[in-house]
Amino acid sequence: MTISLAAHQAMTTLRLLVFNFPLLPKSIAHWALFLPDEEGSTDGVLFEVKKRSYSMAHTMFSQRKFNYRTSKSDLRANIAIPEMSIGPVKLNQACHAITQNRPFHLWRRNCQLWVFEVIDYLARSEGFQDGGEILANIMTQGFRPRGYRGSRQRDQT
């Protein structure tokens, strides 16, 4: 993927996207991070992890161009994280740092928990407000990752 110099340097508000899975509860929905190309845009880059097959034990990170307006029927929630204005390079670095050698387990080490780990990592490494407070704000909107035990969890596992 090629990012223009302007987009490469732009800092925009990070967003949490929660995807619908027909007939499944929100507790097992797919979560990803979205960074708009410019503030207020519906076009941007989706940062996500998945497990490519049942036999794979590690988390697979990917990023791709995404427009949440054209995919809105697939979305359960689109939550702005106003405390985090960040550029794509810093977000990409954080995603790679969290994903490196990270096991993936559908119930305990999944995409939902990965999102919280990235947010907590960014809060600590980039000097944003307390990551625990940001995560608590997301949970007050009804989204708590399956397997979540509290901020700084990555250091404990």
Protein backbone atom coordinates (compact mmCIF):
# COMPACT_ATOMS: atom_id res chain seq x y z
CA MET A 1 0.00 0.00 0.00
CA THR A 2 1.32 3.45 -0.90
CA ILE A 3 0.61 6.38 1.39
CA SER A 4 1.13 9.92 0.13
CA LEU A 5 3.55 12.17 2.04
CA ALA A 6 0.66 14.35 3.26
CA ALA A 7 -1.30 11.33 4.51
CA HIS A 8 1.92 9.87 5.92
CA GLN A 9 2.32 12.90 8.19
CA ALA A 10 -1.36 13.61 8.97
CA MET A 11 -2.57 12.97 12.49
CA THR A 12 -6.23 12.04 12.77
CA THR A 13 -8.54 10.68 15.44
CA LEU A 14 -8.27 6.93 15.93
CA ARG A 15 -11.52 4.97 15.71
CA LEU A 16 -12.63 1.54 16.90
CA LEU A 17 -14.79 -0.34 14.41
CA VAL A 18 -16.90 -3.27 15.61
CA PHE A 19 -18.22 -5.51 12.86
CA ASN A 20 -21.51 -7.42 12.71
CA PHE A 21 -21.54 -11.17 12.44
CA PRO A 22 -25.04 -12.37 11.57
CA LEU A 23 -26.61 -14.55 14.25
CA LEU A 24 -23.68 -14.10 16.64
CA PRO A 25 -23.62 -11.97 19.82
CA LYS A 26 -21.53 -8.80 20.01
CA SER A 27 -19.29 -10.52 22.55
CA ILE A 28 -17.55 -12.33 19.68
CA ALA A 29 -17.69 -9.56 17.07
CA HIS A 30 -14.61 -8.67 15.02
CA TRP A 31 -12.86 -5.47 16.15
CA ALA A 32 -10.37 -3.33 14.22
CA LEU A 33 -8.78 0.11 14.38
CA PHE A 34 -9.51 2.69 11.70
CA LEU A 35 -7.46 5.77 10.91
CA PRO A 36 -9.09 8.21 8.47
CA ASP A 37 -7.00 9.74 5.69
CA GLU A 38 -7.96 13.16 7.03
CA GLU A 39 -10.11 14.28 9.94
CA GLY A 40 -13.78 13.60 9.24
CA SER A 41 -13.14 11.38 6.19
CA THR A 42 -14.83 8.02 5.80
CA ASP A 43 -11.83 6.83 3.75
CA GLY A 44 -8.77 5.57 5.56
CA VAL A 45 -6.80 2.54 6.63
CA LEU A 46 -8.14 -0.41 8.63
CA PHE A 47 -5.65 -2.03 11.02
CA GLU A 48 -6.72 -5.51 12.12
CA VAL A 49 -5.64 -8.96 13.19
CA LYS A 50 -7.07 -12.32 12.33
CA LYS A 51 -6.24 -15.95 12.59
CA ARG A 52 -5.86 -17.22 9.03
CA SER A 53 -6.66 -20.84 9.84
CA TYR A 54 -7.58 -23.08 12.76
CA SER A 55 -4.09 -24.57 12.81
CA MET A 56 -2.26 -21.21 13.08
CA ALA A 57 -1.26 -20.28 16.60
CA HIS A 58 -0.04 -16.72 15.95
CA THR A 59 -1.77 -13.44 15.30
CA MET A 60 -1.70 -12.20 11.69
CA PHE A 61 -1.70 -8.40 11.32
CA SER A 62 -2.91 -6.63 8.19
CA GLN A 63 -3.86 -3.19 7.04
CA ARG A 64 -5.96 -2.18 4.08
CA LYS A 65 -7.77 0.76 2.56
CA PHE A 66 -11.28 0.98 3.92
CA ASN A 67 -14.35 3.19 3.68
CA TYR A 68 -16.71 2.76 6.60
CA ARG A 69 -19.60 4.52 4.86
CA THR A 70 -19.73 1.92 2.08
CA SER A 71 -19.41 -0.85 4.69
CA LYS A 72 -21.81 0.60 7.27
CA SER A 73 -24.20 -2.36 7.02
CA ASP A 74 -21.31 -4.53 8.23
CA LEU A 75 -20.64 -2.30 11.25
CA ARG A 76 -22.16 -2.65 14.68
CA ALA A 77 -20.26 0.38 16.04
CA ASN A 78 -17.91 3.15 14.96
CA ILE A 79 -16.40 4.67 18.07
CA ALA A 80 -14.12 7.70 17.98
CA ILE A 81 -11.23 7.72 20.43
CA PRO A 82 -10.78 11.51 20.68
CA GLU A 83 -7.92 11.18 23.16
CA MET A 84 -5.79 9.62 20.42
CA SER A 85 -4.84 11.72 17.42
CA ILE A 86 -2.10 9.82 15.64
CA GLY A 87 -0.43 9.33 12.29
CA PRO A 88 -0.39 6.07 10.33
CA VAL A 89 3.34 5.41 10.85
CA LYS A 90 3.07 5.52 14.67
CA LEU A 91 -0.07 3.37 14.59
CA ASN A 92 1.58 0.87 12.25
CA GLN A 93 4.63 0.68 14.56
CA ALA A 94 2.42 0.09 17.60
CA CYS A 95 0.44 -2.63 15.79
CA HIS A 96 3.63 -4.43 14.81
CA ALA A 97 5.07 -4.13 18.33
CA ILE A 98 1.95 -5.70 19.85
CA THR A 99 1.59 -8.37 17.16
CA GLN A 100 5.19 -9.62 17.21
CA ASN A 101 5.24 -13.21 18.52
CA ARG A 102 1.71 -12.77 19.87
CA PRO A 103 -0.33 -15.96 20.16
CA PHE A 104 -3.91 -15.90 18.91
CA HIS A 105 -6.76 -17.67 20.65
CA LEU A 106 -10.38 -17.02 19.68
CA TRP A 107 -11.56 -16.68 23.30
CA ARG A 108 -8.52 -15.39 25.21
CA ARG A 109 -6.11 -13.61 22.78
CA ASN A 110 -8.37 -12.35 20.01
CA CYS A 111 -8.84 -9.25 17.83
CA GLN A 112 -10.82 -7.49 20.58
CA LEU A 113 -8.03 -7.86 23.09
CA TRP A 114 -5.44 -6.89 20.46
CA VAL A 115 -7.26 -3.55 19.93
CA PHE A 116 -7.10 -2.83 23.67
CA GLU A 117 -3.41 -3.85 23.79
CA VAL A 118 -2.60 -1.44 20.93
CA ILE A 119 -4.51 1.41 22.61
CA ASP A 120 -2.75 0.78 25.92
CA TYR A 121 0.65 0.58 24.16
CA LEU A 122 0.01 3.90 22.38
CA ALA A 123 -1.08 5.55 25.61
CA ARG A 124 2.19 4.54 27.25
CA SER A 125 4.59 5.06 24.33
CA GLU A 126 3.12 8.26 22.88
CA GLY A 127 2.21 10.00 26.12
CA PHE A 128 -1.55 10.00 25.67
CA GLN A 129 -3.76 10.15 28.75
CA ASP A 130 -3.98 7.04 30.89
CA GLY A 131 -4.71 4.07 28.66
CA GLY A 132 -6.91 2.52 31.34
CA GLU A 133 -9.18 5.56 31.24
CA ILE A 134 -9.47 5.40 27.44
CA LEU A 135 -10.30 1.69 27.63
CA ALA A 136 -12.86 2.34 30.40
CA ASN A 137 -14.54 4.93 28.17
CA ILE A 138 -14.91 2.31 25.43
CA MET A 139 -16.32 -0.20 27.90
CA THR A 140 -18.95 2.31 29.11
CA GLN A 141 -20.28 2.23 25.54
CA GLY A 142 -20.92 -1.50 25.96
CA PHE A 143 -17.78 -2.95 24.35
CA ARG A 144 -15.55 -5.06 26.57
CA PRO A 145 -13.15 -7.45 24.85
CA ARG A 146 -13.53 -11.12 25.55
CA GLY A 147 -10.63 -12.15 27.78
CA TYR A 148 -9.85 -8.62 29.05
CA ARG A 149 -8.41 -8.46 32.58
CA GLY A 150 -7.24 -4.85 32.78
CA SER A 151 -4.76 -2.46 31.18
CA ARG A 152 -1.10 -3.45 30.98
CA GLN A 153 -2.29 -7.03 30.46
CA ARG A 154 0.40 -7.70 27.81
CA ASP A 155 3.13 -7.31 30.45
CA GLN A 156 1.45 -9.99 32.56
CA THR A 157 1.01 -12.69 29.91
